[in-house]
Amino acid sequence: MPLTFFFDHTDDGEWKHAVIDMFDRHKKLHTTFGELSFADKKKMPHLPLQAADMVAYRTRQLTEQWVDGAMSAKWPEFTEALFKSTFDFLDSHKKEVYRAFFSGELDYERYAKGKQNTV
């Protein structure tokens, strides 16, 4: 499924150039990257879709599938990219996270501050 990226219109040429360069670089690696556009967020079809909205939507979708027992392997690369920082964090703190989870003491803030309180 092709992805189109919309950014708010800007007159900042340096910023636009940086975005275009990064998009072109990553488009070579990801064949689903379709097009890039700088658009007026007040006009259809470019009404803003913020990253937080995307994370919330995908989280809800995955949770519904899990609850319904209908987990789907659809878009694994998208899910991996969207939650990369979370996966990286969990991978780097596996022992502590498992201990906290199984003891009912899982607290993200505890581990985000550099493992100040180990379980």
PDB file of N, CA and C in Angstrom:
ATOM      1  N   MET A   1       0.840  -1.158   0.000  1.00  0.00           N
ATOM      2  CA  MET A   1       0.000   0.000   0.000  1.00  0.00           C
ATOM      3  C   MET A   1       0.901   1.243   0.000  1.00  0.00           C
ATOM      4  N   PRO A   2       0.772   2.120  -0.970  1.00  0.00           N
ATOM      5  CA  PRO A   2       1.655   3.291  -1.024  1.00  0.00           C
ATOM      6  C   PRO A   2       1.354   4.304   0.078  1.00  0.00           C
ATOM      7  N   LEU A   3       2.408   4.952   0.548  1.00  0.00           N
ATOM      8  CA  LEU A   3       2.289   5.983   1.578  1.00  0.00           C
ATOM      9  C   LEU A   3       2.590   7.341   0.970  1.00  0.00           C
ATOM     10  N   THR A   4       1.755   8.311   1.283  1.00  0.00           N
ATOM     11  CA  THR A   4       1.992   9.679   0.868  1.00  0.00           C
ATOM     12  C   THR A   4       2.234  10.501   2.126  1.00  0.00           C
ATOM     13  N   PHE A   5       3.285  11.306   2.110  1.00  0.00           N
ATOM     14  CA  PHE A   5       3.636  12.134   3.259  1.00  0.00           C
ATOM     15  C   PHE A   5       3.262  13.580   2.973  1.00  0.00           C
ATOM     16  N   PHE A   6       2.475  14.170   3.866  1.00  0.00           N
ATOM     17  CA  PHE A   6       2.084  15.571   3.745  1.00  0.00           C
ATOM     18  C   PHE A   6       2.716  16.359   4.882  1.00  0.00           C
ATOM     19  N   PHE A   7       3.366  17.450   4.542  1.00  0.00           N
ATOM     20  CA  PHE A   7       3.933  18.351   5.537  1.00  0.00           C
ATOM     21  C   PHE A   7       3.255  19.700   5.388  1.00  0.00           C
ATOM     22  N   ASP A   8       3.159  20.432   6.508  1.00  0.00           N
ATOM     23  CA  ASP A   8       2.589  21.782   6.446  1.00  0.00           C
ATOM     24  C   ASP A   8       3.414  22.628   5.499  1.00  0.00           C
ATOM     25  N   HIS A   9       2.718  23.447   4.735  1.00  0.00           N
ATOM     26  CA  HIS A   9       3.406  24.362   3.829  1.00  0.00           C
ATOM     27  C   HIS A   9       4.324  25.276   4.636  1.00  0.00           C
ATOM     28  N   THR A  10       5.498  25.536   4.073  1.00  0.00           N
ATOM     29  CA  THR A  10       6.457  26.423   4.730  1.00  0.00           C
ATOM     30  C   THR A  10       7.250  27.185   3.679  1.00  0.00           C
ATOM     31  N   ASP A  11       7.700  28.354   4.068  1.00  0.00           N
ATOM     32  CA  ASP A  11       8.574  29.144   3.190  1.00  0.00           C
ATOM     33  C   ASP A  11      10.038  28.951   3.558  1.00  0.00           C
ATOM     34  N   ASP A  12      10.304  28.106   4.534  1.00  0.00           N
ATOM     35  CA  ASP A  12      11.662  27.831   4.985  1.00  0.00           C
ATOM     36  C   ASP A  12      12.315  26.838   4.019  1.00  0.00           C
ATOM     37  N   GLY A  13      13.061  27.355   3.056  1.00  0.00           N
ATOM     38  CA  GLY A  13      13.679  26.530   2.023  1.00  0.00           C
ATOM     39  C   GLY A  13      14.665  25.512   2.564  1.00  0.00           C
ATOM     40  N   GLU A  14      15.413  25.883   3.593  1.00  0.00           N
ATOM     41  CA  GLU A  14      16.400  24.962   4.169  1.00  0.00           C
ATOM     42  C   GLU A  14      15.705  23.750   4.793  1.00  0.00           C
ATOM     43  N   TRP A  15      14.622  23.995   5.525  1.00  0.00           N
ATOM     44  CA  TRP A  15      13.883  22.915   6.153  1.00  0.00           C
ATOM     45  C   TRP A  15      13.253  22.015   5.086  1.00  0.00           C
ATOM     46  N   LYS A  16      12.640  22.625   4.071  1.00  0.00           N
ATOM     47  CA  LYS A  16      12.031  21.854   2.986  1.00  0.00           C
ATOM     48  C   LYS A  16      13.069  20.966   2.303  1.00  0.00           C
ATOM     49  N   HIS A  17      14.223  21.534   2.037  1.00  0.00           N
ATOM     50  CA  HIS A  17      15.286  20.793   1.369  1.00  0.00           C
ATOM     51  C   HIS A  17      15.722  19.591   2.212  1.00  0.00           C
ATOM     52  N   ALA A  18      15.834  19.780   3.530  1.00  0.00           N
ATOM     53  CA  ALA A  18      16.221  18.690   4.424  1.00  0.00           C
ATOM     54  C   ALA A  18      15.182  17.578   4.398  1.00  0.00           C
ATOM     55  N   VAL A  19      13.906  17.947   4.409  1.00  0.00           N
ATOM     56  CA  VAL A  19      12.831  16.947   4.371  1.00  0.00           C
ATOM     57  C   VAL A  19      12.867  16.179   3.052  1.00  0.00           C
ATOM     58  N   ILE A  20      13.026  16.880   1.961  1.00  0.00           N
ATOM     59  CA  ILE A  20      13.063  16.239   0.635  1.00  0.00           C
ATOM     60  C   ILE A  20      14.256  15.294   0.528  1.00  0.00           C
ATOM     61  N   ASP A  21      15.413  15.724   1.010  1.00  0.00           N
ATOM     62  CA  ASP A  21      16.610  14.866   0.978  1.00  0.00           C
ATOM     63  C   ASP A  21      16.388  13.572   1.762  1.00  0.00           C
ATOM     64  N   MET A  22      15.831  13.687   2.965  1.00  0.00           N
ATOM     65  CA  MET A  22      15.602  12.499   3.785  1.00  0.00           C
ATOM     66  C   MET A  22      14.552  11.593   3.146  1.00  0.00           C
ATOM     67  N   PHE A  23      13.514  12.187   2.593  1.00  0.00           N
ATOM     68  CA  PHE A  23      12.477  11.388   1.933  1.00  0.00           C
ATOM     69  C   PHE A  23      13.078  10.620   0.759  1.00  0.00           C
ATOM     70  N   ASP A  24      13.853  11.298  -0.076  1.00  0.00           N
ATOM     71  CA  ASP A  24      14.472  10.638  -1.228  1.00  0.00           C
ATOM     72  C   ASP A  24      15.392   9.512  -0.793  1.00  0.00           C
ATOM     73  N   ARG A  25      16.148   9.732   0.256  1.00  0.00           N
ATOM     74  CA  ARG A  25      17.073   8.718   0.761  1.00  0.00           C
ATOM     75  C   ARG A  25      16.320   7.473   1.247  1.00  0.00           C
ATOM     76  N   HIS A  26      15.247   7.691   1.981  1.00  0.00           N
ATOM     77  CA  HIS A  26      14.490   6.564   2.533  1.00  0.00           C
ATOM     78  C   HIS A  26      13.573   5.917   1.505  1.00  0.00           C
ATOM     79  N   LYS A  27      13.160   6.662   0.504  1.00  0.00           N
ATOM     80  CA  LYS A  27      12.296   6.103  -0.544  1.00  0.00           C
ATOM     81  C   LYS A  27      13.016   4.977  -1.290  1.00  0.00           C
ATOM     82  N   LYS A  28      14.322   5.106  -1.420  1.00  0.00           N
ATOM     83  CA  LYS A  28      15.113   4.057  -2.079  1.00  0.00           C
ATOM     84  C   LYS A  28      15.074   2.754  -1.279  1.00  0.00           C
ATOM     85  N   LEU A  29      14.928   2.859   0.032  1.00  0.00           N
ATOM     86  CA  LEU A  29      14.904   1.684   0.902  1.00  0.00           C
ATOM     87  C   LEU A  29      13.500   1.115   1.097  1.00  0.00           C
ATOM     88  N   HIS A  30      12.496   1.955   0.939  1.00  0.00           N
ATOM     89  CA  HIS A  30      11.113   1.551   1.214  1.00  0.00           C
ATOM     90  C   HIS A  30      10.253   1.784  -0.025  1.00  0.00           C
ATOM     91  N   THR A  31       9.951   0.727  -0.719  1.00  0.00           N
ATOM     92  CA  THR A  31       9.215   0.843  -1.989  1.00  0.00           C
ATOM     93  C   THR A  31       7.788   1.327  -1.807  1.00  0.00           C
ATOM     94  N   THR A  32       7.263   1.280  -0.597  1.00  0.00           N
ATOM     95  CA  THR A  32       5.896   1.750  -0.370  1.00  0.00           C
ATOM     96  C   THR A  32       5.811   3.273  -0.267  1.00  0.00           C
ATOM     97  N   PHE A  33       6.944   3.941  -0.138  1.00  0.00           N
ATOM     98  CA  PHE A  33       6.918   5.401  -0.078  1.00  0.00           C
ATOM     99  C   PHE A  33       6.464   5.926  -1.432  1.00  0.00           C
ATOM    100  N   GLY A  34       5.348   6.617  -1.438  1.00  0.00           N
ATOM    101  CA  GLY A  34       4.790   7.125  -2.680  1.00  0.00           C
ATOM    102  C   GLY A  34       5.280   8.514  -3.012  1.00  0.00           C
ATOM    103  N   GLU A  35       4.652   9.503  -2.407  1.00  0.00           N
ATOM    104  CA  GLU A  35       5.018  10.871  -2.740  1.00  0.00           C
ATOM    105  C   GLU A  35       5.107  11.734  -1.498  1.00  0.00           C
ATOM    106  N   LEU A  36       5.666  12.904  -1.691  1.00  0.00           N
ATOM    107  CA  LEU A  36       5.872  13.879  -0.627  1.00  0.00           C
ATOM    108  C   LEU A  36       5.261  15.190  -1.086  1.00  0.00           C
ATOM    109  N   SER A  37       4.568  15.859  -0.182  1.00  0.00           N
ATOM    110  CA  SER A  37       3.922  17.101  -0.557  1.00  0.00           C
ATOM    111  C   SER A  37       3.950  18.083   0.607  1.00  0.00           C
ATOM    112  N   PHE A  38       4.104  19.347   0.297  1.00  0.00           N
ATOM    113  CA  PHE A  38       3.968  20.423   1.274  1.00  0.00           C
ATOM    114  C   PHE A  38       2.642  21.093   0.952  1.00  0.00           C
ATOM    115  N   ALA A  39       1.692  21.002   1.884  1.00  0.00           N
ATOM    116  CA  ALA A  39       0.329  21.405   1.573  1.00  0.00           C
ATOM    117  C   ALA A  39      -0.259  22.283   2.674  1.00  0.00           C
ATOM    118  N   ASP A  40      -1.354  22.928   2.340  1.00  0.00           N
ATOM    119  CA  ASP A  40      -2.092  23.740   3.297  1.00  0.00           C
ATOM    120  C   ASP A  40      -2.958  22.806   4.135  1.00  0.00           C
ATOM    121  N   LYS A  41      -2.676  22.723   5.421  1.00  0.00           N
ATOM    122  CA  LYS A  41      -3.379  21.784   6.292  1.00  0.00           C
ATOM    123  C   LYS A  41      -4.846  22.138   6.489  1.00  0.00           C
ATOM    124  N   LYS A  42      -5.265  23.284   6.004  1.00  0.00           N
ATOM    125  CA  LYS A  42      -6.658  23.699   6.154  1.00  0.00           C
ATOM    126  C   LYS A  42      -7.516  23.289   4.968  1.00  0.00           C
ATOM    127  N   LYS A  43      -6.896  22.668   3.977  1.00  0.00           N
ATOM    128  CA  LYS A  43      -7.635  22.276   2.772  1.00  0.00           C
ATOM    129  C   LYS A  43      -7.647  20.760   2.629  1.00  0.00           C
ATOM    130  N   MET A  44      -8.788  20.245   2.185  1.00  0.00           N
ATOM    131  CA  MET A  44      -8.898  18.811   1.898  1.00  0.00           C
ATOM    132  C   MET A  44      -7.988  18.488   0.729  1.00  0.00           C
ATOM    133  N   PRO A  45      -7.390  17.348   0.651  1.00  0.00           N
ATOM    134  CA  PRO A  45      -7.451  16.243   1.602  1.00  0.00           C
ATOM    135  C   PRO A  45      -6.313  16.282   2.602  1.00  0.00           C
ATOM    136  N   HIS A  46      -5.805  17.447   2.913  1.00  0.00           N
ATOM    137  CA  HIS A  46      -4.602  17.556   3.734  1.00  0.00           C
ATOM    138  C   HIS A  46      -4.869  17.949   5.178  1.00  0.00           C
ATOM    139  N   LEU A  47      -6.075  17.687   5.656  1.00  0.00           N
ATOM    140  CA  LEU A  47      -6.353  17.981   7.052  1.00  0.00           C
ATOM    141  C   LEU A  47      -5.343  17.213   7.896  1.00  0.00           C
ATOM    142  N   PRO A  48      -4.850  17.813   8.963  1.00  0.00           N
ATOM    143  CA  PRO A  48      -3.715  17.221   9.680  1.00  0.00           C
ATOM    144  C   PRO A  48      -4.004  15.856  10.301  1.00  0.00           C
ATOM    145  N   LEU A  49      -3.093  14.964  10.077  1.00  0.00           N
ATOM    146  CA  LEU A  49      -3.083  13.671  10.742  1.00  0.00           C
ATOM    147  C   LEU A  49      -1.758  13.625  11.477  1.00  0.00           C
ATOM    148  N   GLN A  50      -1.804  13.829  12.757  1.00  0.00           N
ATOM    149  CA  GLN A  50      -0.584  13.891  13.538  1.00  0.00           C
ATOM    150  C   GLN A  50      -0.077  12.495  13.856  1.00  0.00           C
ATOM    151  N   ALA A  51       1.204  12.414  14.120  1.00  0.00           N
ATOM    152  CA  ALA A  51       1.823  11.133  14.458  1.00  0.00           C
ATOM    153  C   ALA A  51       1.137  10.494  15.661  1.00  0.00           C
ATOM    154  N   ALA A  52       0.734  11.293  16.626  1.00  0.00           N
ATOM    155  CA  ALA A  52       0.055  10.745  17.800  1.00  0.00           C
ATOM    156  C   ALA A  52      -1.260  10.085  17.402  1.00  0.00           C
ATOM    157  N   ASP A  53      -1.947  10.664  16.437  1.00  0.00           N
ATOM    158  CA  ASP A  53      -3.186  10.065  15.946  1.00  0.00           C
ATOM    159  C   ASP A  53      -2.910   8.713  15.304  1.00  0.00           C
ATOM    160  N   MET A  54      -1.816   8.639  14.557  1.00  0.00           N
ATOM    161  CA  MET A  54      -1.459   7.394  13.891  1.00  0.00           C
ATOM    162  C   MET A  54      -1.113   6.314  14.917  1.00  0.00           C
ATOM    163  N   VAL A  55      -0.359   6.680  15.936  1.00  0.00           N
ATOM    164  CA  VAL A  55       0.008   5.726  16.983  1.00  0.00           C
ATOM    165  C   VAL A  55      -1.252   5.251  17.706  1.00  0.00           C
ATOM    166  N   ALA A  56      -2.138   6.179  18.052  1.00  0.00           N
ATOM    167  CA  ALA A  56      -3.374   5.807  18.753  1.00  0.00           C
ATOM    168  C   ALA A  56      -4.228   4.891  17.890  1.00  0.00           C
ATOM    169  N   TYR A  57      -4.353   5.209  16.614  1.00  0.00           N
ATOM    170  CA  TYR A  57      -5.152   4.390  15.707  1.00  0.00           C
ATOM    171  C   TYR A  57      -4.587   2.976  15.606  1.00  0.00           C
ATOM    172  N   ARG A  58      -3.274   2.861  15.403  1.00  0.00           N
ATOM    173  CA  ARG A  58      -2.661   1.542  15.229  1.00  0.00           C
ATOM    174  C   ARG A  58      -2.709   0.750  16.540  1.00  0.00           C
ATOM    175  N   THR A  59      -2.522   1.419  17.668  1.00  0.00           N
ATOM    176  CA  THR A  59      -2.606   0.749  18.958  1.00  0.00           C
ATOM    177  C   THR A  59      -4.012   0.202  19.176  1.00  0.00           C
ATOM    178  N   ARG A  60      -5.021   1.012  18.890  1.00  0.00           N
ATOM    179  CA  ARG A  60      -6.403   0.559  19.039  1.00  0.00           C
ATOM    180  C   ARG A  60      -6.681  -0.622  18.118  1.00  0.00           C
ATOM    181  N   GLN A  61      -6.217  -0.525  16.878  1.00  0.00           N
ATOM    182  CA  GLN A  61      -6.427  -1.595  15.908  1.00  0.00           C
ATOM    183  C   GLN A  61      -5.789  -2.910  16.377  1.00  0.00           C
ATOM    184  N   LEU A  62      -4.550  -2.841  16.826  1.00  0.00           N
ATOM    185  CA  LEU A  62      -3.863  -4.048  17.304  1.00  0.00           C
ATOM    186  C   LEU A  62      -4.528  -4.618  18.549  1.00  0.00           C
ATOM    187  N   THR A  63      -4.971  -3.741  19.454  1.00  0.00           N
ATOM    188  CA  THR A  63      -5.625  -4.184  20.681  1.00  0.00           C
ATOM    189  C   THR A  63      -6.952  -4.870  20.367  1.00  0.00           C
ATOM    190  N   GLU A  64      -7.732  -4.300  19.460  1.00  0.00           N
ATOM    191  CA  GLU A  64      -8.998  -4.925  19.065  1.00  0.00           C
ATOM    192  C   GLU A  64      -8.755  -6.307  18.463  1.00  0.00           C
ATOM    193  N   GLN A  65      -7.746  -6.408  17.613  1.00  0.00           N
ATOM    194  CA  GLN A  65      -7.430  -7.701  17.002  1.00  0.00           C
ATOM    195  C   GLN A  65      -7.003  -8.712  18.058  1.00  0.00           C
ATOM    196  N   TRP A  66      -6.225  -8.268  19.022  1.00  0.00           N
ATOM    197  CA  TRP A  66      -5.759  -9.157  20.090  1.00  0.00           C
ATOM    198  C   TRP A  66      -6.943  -9.634  20.935  1.00  0.00           C
ATOM    199  N   VAL A  67      -7.834  -8.710  21.325  1.00  0.00           N
ATOM    200  CA  VAL A  67      -9.001  -9.050  22.132  1.00  0.00           C
ATOM    201  C   VAL A  67      -9.921 -10.006  21.376  1.00  0.00           C
ATOM    202  N   ASP A  68     -10.087  -9.765  20.078  1.00  0.00           N
ATOM    203  CA  ASP A  68     -10.960 -10.610  19.255  1.00  0.00           C
ATOM    204  C   ASP A  68     -10.302 -11.929  18.855  1.00  0.00           C
ATOM    205  N   GLY A  69      -9.031 -12.090  19.197  1.00  0.00           N
ATOM    206  CA  GLY A  69      -8.317 -13.314  18.829  1.00  0.00           C
ATOM    207  C   GLY A  69      -8.081 -13.412  17.333  1.00  0.00           C
ATOM    208  N   ALA A  70      -7.999 -12.260  16.683  1.00  0.00           N
ATOM    209  CA  ALA A  70      -7.843 -12.241  15.223  1.00  0.00           C
ATOM    210  C   ALA A  70      -6.601 -11.446  14.838  1.00  0.00           C
ATOM    211  N   MET A  71      -5.491 -11.741  15.493  1.00  0.00           N
ATOM    212  CA  MET A  71      -4.259 -11.002  15.197  1.00  0.00           C
ATOM    213  C   MET A  71      -3.895 -11.151  13.733  1.00  0.00           C
ATOM    214  N   SER A  72      -3.500 -10.061  13.143  1.00  0.00           N
ATOM    215  CA  SER A  72      -3.158 -10.037  11.725  1.00  0.00           C
ATOM    216  C   SER A  72      -1.698  -9.645  11.568  1.00  0.00           C
ATOM    217  N   ALA A  73      -1.053 -10.231  10.591  1.00  0.00           N
ATOM    218  CA  ALA A  73       0.340  -9.888  10.300  1.00  0.00           C
ATOM    219  C   ALA A  73       0.399  -8.770   9.271  1.00  0.00           C
ATOM    220  N   LYS A  74      -0.703  -8.066   9.093  1.00  0.00           N
ATOM    221  CA  LYS A  74      -0.763  -6.978   8.130  1.00  0.00           C
ATOM    222  C   LYS A  74       0.153  -5.827   8.547  1.00  0.00           C
ATOM    223  N   TRP A  75       0.897  -5.314   7.633  1.00  0.00           N
ATOM    224  CA  TRP A  75       1.745  -4.143   7.822  1.00  0.00           C
ATOM    225  C   TRP A  75       2.766  -4.295   8.944  1.00  0.00           C
ATOM    226  N   PRO A  76       3.508  -5.392   9.022  1.00  0.00           N
ATOM    227  CA  PRO A  76       4.468  -5.543  10.123  1.00  0.00           C
ATOM    228  C   PRO A  76       5.571  -4.487  10.084  1.00  0.00           C
ATOM    229  N   GLU A  77       5.981  -4.059   8.889  1.00  0.00           N
ATOM    230  CA  GLU A  77       7.041  -3.046   8.805  1.00  0.00           C
ATOM    231  C   GLU A  77       6.545  -1.711   9.357  1.00  0.00           C
ATOM    232  N   PHE A  78       5.289  -1.397   9.078  1.00  0.00           N
ATOM    233  CA  PHE A  78       4.704  -0.153   9.582  1.00  0.00           C
ATOM    234  C   PHE A  78       4.650  -0.178  11.105  1.00  0.00           C
ATOM    235  N   THR A  79       4.167  -1.292  11.652  1.00  0.00           N
ATOM    236  CA  THR A  79       4.073  -1.426  13.103  1.00  0.00           C
ATOM    237  C   THR A  79       5.457  -1.344  13.736  1.00  0.00           C
ATOM    238  N   GLU A  80       6.420  -2.028  13.137  1.00  0.00           N
ATOM    239  CA  GLU A  80       7.794  -2.011  13.658  1.00  0.00           C
ATOM    240  C   GLU A  80       8.352  -0.582  13.660  1.00  0.00           C
ATOM    241  N   ALA A  81       8.155   0.147  12.589  1.00  0.00           N
ATOM    242  CA  ALA A  81       8.672   1.521  12.497  1.00  0.00           C
ATOM    243  C   ALA A  81       7.956   2.450  13.473  1.00  0.00           C
ATOM    244  N   LEU A  82       6.653   2.290  13.583  1.00  0.00           N
ATOM    245  CA  LEU A  82       5.848   3.160  14.440  1.00  0.00           C
ATOM    246  C   LEU A  82       6.213   3.013  15.918  1.00  0.00           C
ATOM    247  N   PHE A  83       6.501   1.774  16.323  1.00  0.00           N
ATOM    248  CA  PHE A  83       6.794   1.504  17.723  1.00  0.00           C
ATOM    249  C   PHE A  83       8.271   1.201  17.964  1.00  0.00           C
ATOM    250  N   LYS A  84       9.146   1.609  17.041  1.00  0.00           N
ATOM    251  CA  LYS A  84      10.572   1.291  17.126  1.00  0.00           C
ATOM    252  C   LYS A  84      11.189   1.721  18.457  1.00  0.00           C
ATOM    253  N   SER A  85      10.918   2.932  18.891  1.00  0.00           N
ATOM    254  CA  SER A  85      11.530   3.402  20.139  1.00  0.00           C
ATOM    255  C   SER A  85      11.070   2.569  21.330  1.00  0.00           C
ATOM    256  N   THR A  86       9.829   2.141  21.323  1.00  0.00           N
ATOM    257  CA  THR A  86       9.322   1.294  22.400  1.00  0.00           C
ATOM    258  C   THR A  86       9.991  -0.071  22.365  1.00  0.00           C
ATOM    259  N   PHE A  87      10.073  -0.670  21.163  1.00  0.00           N
ATOM    260  CA  PHE A  87      10.729  -1.966  21.033  1.00  0.00           C
ATOM    261  C   PHE A  87      12.196  -1.880  21.449  1.00  0.00           C
ATOM    262  N   ASP A  88      12.883  -0.817  21.033  1.00  0.00           N
ATOM    263  CA  ASP A  88      14.289  -0.634  21.409  1.00  0.00           C
ATOM    264  C   ASP A  88      14.445  -0.532  22.922  1.00  0.00           C
ATOM    265  N   PHE A  89      13.562   0.231  23.540  1.00  0.00           N
ATOM    266  CA  PHE A  89      13.613   0.395  24.996  1.00  0.00           C
ATOM    267  C   PHE A  89      13.413  -0.948  25.691  1.00  0.00           C
ATOM    268  N   LEU A  90      12.382  -1.682  25.274  1.00  0.00           N
ATOM    269  CA  LEU A  90      12.098  -2.968  25.896  1.00  0.00           C
ATOM    270  C   LEU A  90      13.238  -3.962  25.677  1.00  0.00           C
ATOM    271  N   ASP A  91      13.823  -3.953  24.475  1.00  0.00           N
ATOM    272  CA  ASP A  91      14.939  -4.851  24.199  1.00  0.00           C
ATOM    273  C   ASP A  91      16.141  -4.553  25.090  1.00  0.00           C
ATOM    274  N   SER A  92      16.388  -3.284  25.353  1.00  0.00           N
ATOM    275  CA  SER A  92      17.565  -2.921  26.139  1.00  0.00           C
ATOM    276  C   SER A  92      17.361  -3.088  27.651  1.00  0.00           C
ATOM    277  N   HIS A  93      16.119  -3.341  28.072  1.00  0.00           N
ATOM    278  CA  HIS A  93      15.816  -3.494  29.499  1.00  0.00           C
ATOM    279  C   HIS A  93      15.020  -4.775  29.767  1.00  0.00           C
ATOM    280  N   LYS A  94      15.267  -5.817  29.001  1.00  0.00           N
ATOM    281  CA  LYS A  94      14.439  -7.028  29.081  1.00  0.00           C
ATOM    282  C   LYS A  94      14.305  -7.599  30.490  1.00  0.00           C
ATOM    283  N   LYS A  95      15.422  -7.849  31.143  1.00  0.00           N
ATOM    284  CA  LYS A  95      15.362  -8.487  32.457  1.00  0.00           C
ATOM    285  C   LYS A  95      14.553  -7.658  33.452  1.00  0.00           C
ATOM    286  N   GLU A  96      14.836  -6.355  33.487  1.00  0.00           N
ATOM    287  CA  GLU A  96      14.148  -5.488  34.423  1.00  0.00           C
ATOM    288  C   GLU A  96      12.659  -5.399  34.116  1.00  0.00           C
ATOM    289  N   VAL A  97      12.325  -5.314  32.827  1.00  0.00           N
ATOM    290  CA  VAL A  97      10.921  -5.198  32.432  1.00  0.00           C
ATOM    291  C   VAL A  97      10.170  -6.485  32.763  1.00  0.00           C
ATOM    292  N   TYR A  98      10.757  -7.640  32.460  1.00  0.00           N
ATOM    293  CA  TYR A  98      10.099  -8.908  32.782  1.00  0.00           C
ATOM    294  C   TYR A  98       9.884  -9.061  34.287  1.00  0.00           C
ATOM    295  N   ARG A  99      10.904  -8.744  35.063  1.00  0.00           N
ATOM    296  CA  ARG A  99      10.768  -8.850  36.522  1.00  0.00           C
ATOM    297  C   ARG A  99       9.641  -7.947  37.029  1.00  0.00           C
ATOM    298  N   ALA A 100       9.647  -6.714  36.552  1.00  0.00           N
ATOM    299  CA  ALA A 100       8.622  -5.767  36.990  1.00  0.00           C
ATOM    300  C   ALA A 100       7.232  -6.208  36.531  1.00  0.00           C
ATOM    301  N   PHE A 101       7.127  -6.688  35.305  1.00  0.00           N
ATOM    302  CA  PHE A 101       5.834  -7.138  34.787  1.00  0.00           C
ATOM    303  C   PHE A 101       5.277  -8.277  35.624  1.00  0.00           C
ATOM    304  N   PHE A 102       6.104  -9.292  35.869  1.00  0.00           N
ATOM    305  CA  PHE A 102       5.623 -10.461  36.587  1.00  0.00           C
ATOM    306  C   PHE A 102       5.399 -10.195  38.076  1.00  0.00           C
ATOM    307  N   SER A 103       5.994  -9.143  38.597  1.00  0.00           N
ATOM    308  CA  SER A 103       5.757  -8.810  40.005  1.00  0.00           C
ATOM    309  C   SER A 103       4.690  -7.719  40.157  1.00  0.00           C
ATOM    310  N   GLY A 104       4.125  -7.275  39.036  1.00  0.00           N
ATOM    311  CA  GLY A 104       3.069  -6.265  39.078  1.00  0.00           C
ATOM    312  C   GLY A 104       3.570  -4.865  39.347  1.00  0.00           C
ATOM    313  N   GLU A 105       4.851  -4.620  39.102  1.00  0.00           N
ATOM    314  CA  GLU A 105       5.434  -3.314  39.392  1.00  0.00           C
ATOM    315  C   GLU A 105       5.926  -2.591  38.142  1.00  0.00           C
ATOM    316  N   LEU A 106       5.384  -2.925  36.986  1.00  0.00           N
ATOM    317  CA  LEU A 106       5.859  -2.314  35.742  1.00  0.00           C
ATOM    318  C   LEU A 106       5.535  -0.823  35.734  1.00  0.00           C
ATOM    319  N   ASP A 107       6.554  -0.009  35.632  1.00  0.00           N
ATOM    320  CA  ASP A 107       6.415   1.443  35.651  1.00  0.00           C
ATOM    321  C   ASP A 107       7.427   2.026  34.677  1.00  0.00           C
ATOM    322  N   TYR A 108       6.957   2.511  33.547  1.00  0.00           N
ATOM    323  CA  TYR A 108       7.846   3.013  32.502  1.00  0.00           C
ATOM    324  C   TYR A 108       8.779   4.097  33.033  1.00  0.00           C
ATOM    325  N   GLU A 109       8.268   5.023  33.808  1.00  0.00           N
ATOM    326  CA  GLU A 109       9.083   6.140  34.301  1.00  0.00           C
ATOM    327  C   GLU A 109      10.281   5.638  35.105  1.00  0.00           C
ATOM    328  N   ARG A 110      10.091   4.572  35.838  1.00  0.00           N
ATOM    329  CA  ARG A 110      11.160   4.002  36.651  1.00  0.00           C
ATOM    330  C   ARG A 110      12.355   3.631  35.772  1.00  0.00           C
ATOM    331  N   TYR A 111      12.080   3.042  34.617  1.00  0.00           N
ATOM    332  CA  TYR A 111      13.151   2.566  33.742  1.00  0.00           C
ATOM    333  C   TYR A 111      13.631   3.637  32.773  1.00  0.00           C
ATOM    334  N   ALA A 112      12.773   4.571  32.448  1.00  0.00           N
ATOM    335  CA  ALA A 112      13.149   5.630  31.514  1.00  0.00           C
ATOM    336  C   ALA A 112      14.208   6.555  32.108  1.00  0.00           C
ATOM    337  N   LYS A 113      14.284   6.608  33.406  1.00  0.00           N
ATOM    338  CA  LYS A 113      15.246   7.500  34.075  1.00  0.00           C
ATOM    339  C   LYS A 113      16.600   6.832  34.253  1.00  0.00           C
ATOM    340  N   GLY A 114      16.868   5.799  33.501  1.00  0.00           N
ATOM    341  CA  GLY A 114      18.194   5.194  33.545  1.00  0.00           C
ATOM    342  C   GLY A 114      18.348   4.087  34.566  1.00  0.00           C
ATOM    343  N   LYS A 115      17.300   3.369  34.795  1.00  0.00           N
ATOM    344  CA  LYS A 115      17.358   2.216  35.707  1.00  0.00           C
ATOM    345  C   LYS A 115      17.812   2.623  37.108  1.00  0.00           C
ATOM    346  N   GLN A 116      17.339   3.757  37.607  1.00  0.00           N
ATOM    347  CA  GLN A 116      17.732   4.195  38.934  1.00  0.00           C
ATOM    348  C   GLN A 116      17.261   3.227  40.013  1.00  0.00           C
ATOM    349  N   ASN A 117      16.090   2.661  39.808  1.00  0.00           N
ATOM    350  CA  ASN A 117      15.546   1.685  40.763  1.00  0.00           C
ATOM    351  C   ASN A 117      15.432   0.350  40.050  1.00  0.00           C
ATOM    352  N   THR A 118      16.326  -0.541  40.326  1.00  0.00           N
ATOM    353  CA  THR A 118      16.234  -1.856  39.682  1.00  0.00           C
ATOM    354  C   THR A 118      15.358  -2.766  40.522  1.00  0.00           C
ATOM    355  N   VAL A 119      14.721  -3.666  39.829  1.00  0.00           N
ATOM    356  CA  VAL A 119      13.807  -4.604  40.493  1.00  0.00           C
ATOM    357  C   VAL A 119      14.573  -5.845  40.837  1.00  0.00           C
TER     358      VAL A 119
END
